[in-house]
Amino acid sequence: MKERQKEVKDKKIRAFEATVRTVFGFEKVFKKYIHSEESGGLWAYVRQLMDRERQASKVIQGDATVLFKIAYNTKITKDLYLEFGSKTYNIVSLDPFEFNKTDLVIRANECSPPTFDEVEYDEY
């Protein structure tokens, strides 16, 4: 029998939102991370979805769909983007694991990152 892999949150992911603001009469696109620069991001368990999971959830993107499991965080919404390694992902679904607010399971598809004029970080 195959031993199940432990879900260890040993990878860093970064979560950000893209916002447009007018600065001195010009529209600028800001990349605002929901965490501090010092933290480097959020700890996560990361893996690609298996074929049966993709079929069960009717995901079309195939290999580009990734599952991220992080500690429950109220700042995470479907409007955010995730960065893992050199790739950017848009969030497809959020699942508060067993509704006990300890973990948050995120399914995301790889996408092309937006172009930004400036980068900001949250203070903590």
Protein backbone atom coordinates (compact mmCIF):
# COMPACT_ATOMS: atom_id res chain seq x y z
CA MET A 1 0.00 0.00 0.00
CA LYS A 2 1.27 3.45 -0.91
CA GLU A 3 2.08 5.67 2.06
CA ARG A 4 0.33 9.03 2.03
CA GLN A 5 2.64 12.04 1.82
CA LYS A 6 2.56 14.41 4.78
CA GLU A 7 1.23 17.86 4.01
CA VAL A 8 4.09 19.96 5.31
CA LYS A 9 3.86 23.73 4.79
CA ASP A 10 7.48 24.14 3.77
CA LYS A 11 7.20 26.36 0.67
CA LYS A 12 6.91 30.15 0.56
CA ILE A 13 4.21 31.70 -1.61
CA ARG A 14 3.45 35.39 -2.04
CA ALA A 15 -0.08 36.78 -2.35
CA PHE A 16 -0.87 40.14 -3.92
CA GLU A 17 -3.63 42.25 -5.36
CA ALA A 18 -3.50 44.44 -8.44
CA THR A 19 -5.00 47.90 -7.95
CA VAL A 20 -5.25 50.94 -10.20
CA ARG A 21 -4.87 54.38 -8.63
CA THR A 22 -4.57 57.87 -10.01
CA VAL A 23 -1.29 59.53 -9.03
CA PHE A 24 -0.71 63.14 -10.15
CA GLY A 25 -3.37 62.69 -12.85
CA PHE A 26 -1.92 59.45 -14.22
CA GLU A 27 -3.27 55.95 -13.68
CA LYS A 28 -0.74 53.61 -12.12
CA VAL A 29 -1.06 49.88 -11.49
CA PHE A 30 0.11 48.82 -8.02
CA LYS A 31 1.12 45.34 -6.93
CA LYS A 32 0.29 45.18 -3.23
CA TYR A 33 1.42 42.15 -1.27
CA ILE A 34 -0.79 41.17 1.70
CA HIS A 35 2.28 40.38 3.81
CA SER A 36 5.45 42.22 4.75
CA GLU A 37 8.59 42.18 2.65
CA GLU A 38 10.55 40.80 5.63
CA SER A 39 8.30 37.75 5.99
CA GLY A 40 8.93 36.73 2.39
CA GLY A 41 5.37 35.46 2.05
CA LEU A 42 3.17 32.74 3.48
CA TRP A 43 4.15 29.18 4.35
CA ALA A 44 2.27 26.66 2.20
CA TYR A 45 1.96 23.03 1.22
CA VAL A 46 2.00 22.98 -2.59
CA ARG A 47 1.20 20.28 -5.15
CA GLN A 48 -0.38 19.84 -8.56
CA LEU A 49 -3.89 18.39 -8.68
CA MET A 50 -4.15 14.72 -9.58
CA ASP A 51 -6.15 13.67 -12.66
CA ARG A 52 -9.07 12.37 -10.60
CA GLU A 53 -9.21 15.64 -8.62
CA ARG A 54 -9.26 17.70 -11.82
CA GLN A 55 -12.04 15.54 -13.26
CA ALA A 56 -14.08 15.66 -10.05
CA SER A 57 -13.86 19.44 -9.89
CA LYS A 58 -14.31 19.84 -13.68
CA VAL A 59 -11.10 21.84 -13.98
CA ILE A 60 -10.12 22.38 -17.60
CA GLN A 61 -6.66 23.91 -17.21
CA GLY A 62 -4.95 20.53 -16.71
CA ASP A 63 -1.40 20.53 -15.39
CA ALA A 64 -1.46 24.25 -14.65
CA THR A 65 -3.85 23.77 -11.71
CA VAL A 66 -2.08 23.78 -8.35
CA LEU A 67 -3.31 23.20 -4.81
CA PHE A 68 -1.93 25.43 -2.06
CA LYS A 69 -2.73 24.78 1.62
CA ILE A 70 -1.92 27.60 4.03
CA ALA A 71 -2.83 28.57 7.57
CA TYR A 72 -6.28 30.17 7.60
CA ASN A 73 -5.99 33.82 6.60
CA THR A 74 -8.93 36.25 6.26
CA LYS A 75 -6.93 38.40 3.80
CA ILE A 76 -7.02 35.69 1.12
CA THR A 77 -9.79 36.29 -1.45
CA LYS A 78 -10.46 35.17 -5.02
CA ASP A 79 -9.35 38.62 -6.23
CA LEU A 80 -5.71 37.93 -5.31
CA TYR A 81 -2.86 36.47 -7.32
CA LEU A 82 -0.33 34.00 -5.93
CA GLU A 83 3.36 33.73 -6.78
CA PHE A 84 5.23 30.50 -6.31
CA GLY A 85 8.73 30.22 -7.67
CA SER A 86 8.81 32.13 -10.94
CA LYS A 87 5.13 31.51 -11.77
CA THR A 88 1.96 33.51 -11.12
CA TYR A 89 -1.45 31.96 -10.39
CA ASN A 90 -4.99 33.29 -10.19
CA ILE A 91 -7.21 31.80 -7.52
CA VAL A 92 -10.01 29.56 -8.78
CA SER A 93 -11.46 28.40 -5.45
CA LEU A 94 -11.03 28.77 -1.70
CA ASP A 95 -11.97 25.99 0.71
CA PRO A 96 -11.85 26.67 4.46
CA PHE A 97 -10.64 23.20 5.36
CA GLU A 98 -13.40 21.44 7.31
CA PHE A 99 -14.75 24.89 8.31
CA ASN A 100 -12.62 24.98 11.46
CA LYS A 101 -10.55 27.98 10.33
CA THR A 102 -7.19 26.30 10.81
CA ASP A 103 -6.25 25.74 7.15
CA LEU A 104 -7.29 27.26 3.84
CA VAL A 105 -7.10 25.16 0.67
CA ILE A 106 -6.60 27.21 -2.50
CA ARG A 107 -6.90 25.91 -6.04
CA ALA A 108 -5.24 28.17 -8.59
CA ASN A 109 -4.40 28.21 -12.29
CA GLU A 110 -1.17 29.46 -13.79
CA CYS A 111 -1.57 32.80 -15.58
CA SER A 112 0.45 35.59 -17.12
CA PRO A 113 1.35 38.15 -14.47
CA PRO A 114 -0.06 41.66 -14.88
CA THR A 115 2.34 44.53 -15.56
CA PHE A 116 2.88 46.85 -12.60
CA ASP A 117 4.18 50.38 -12.16
CA GLU A 118 4.93 50.04 -8.42
CA VAL A 119 5.18 47.38 -5.72
CA GLU A 120 3.96 47.76 -2.12
CA TYR A 121 3.99 45.50 0.93
CA ASP A 122 1.67 45.25 3.91
CA GLU A 123 3.19 46.47 7.17
CA TYR A 124 3.11 43.08 8.90
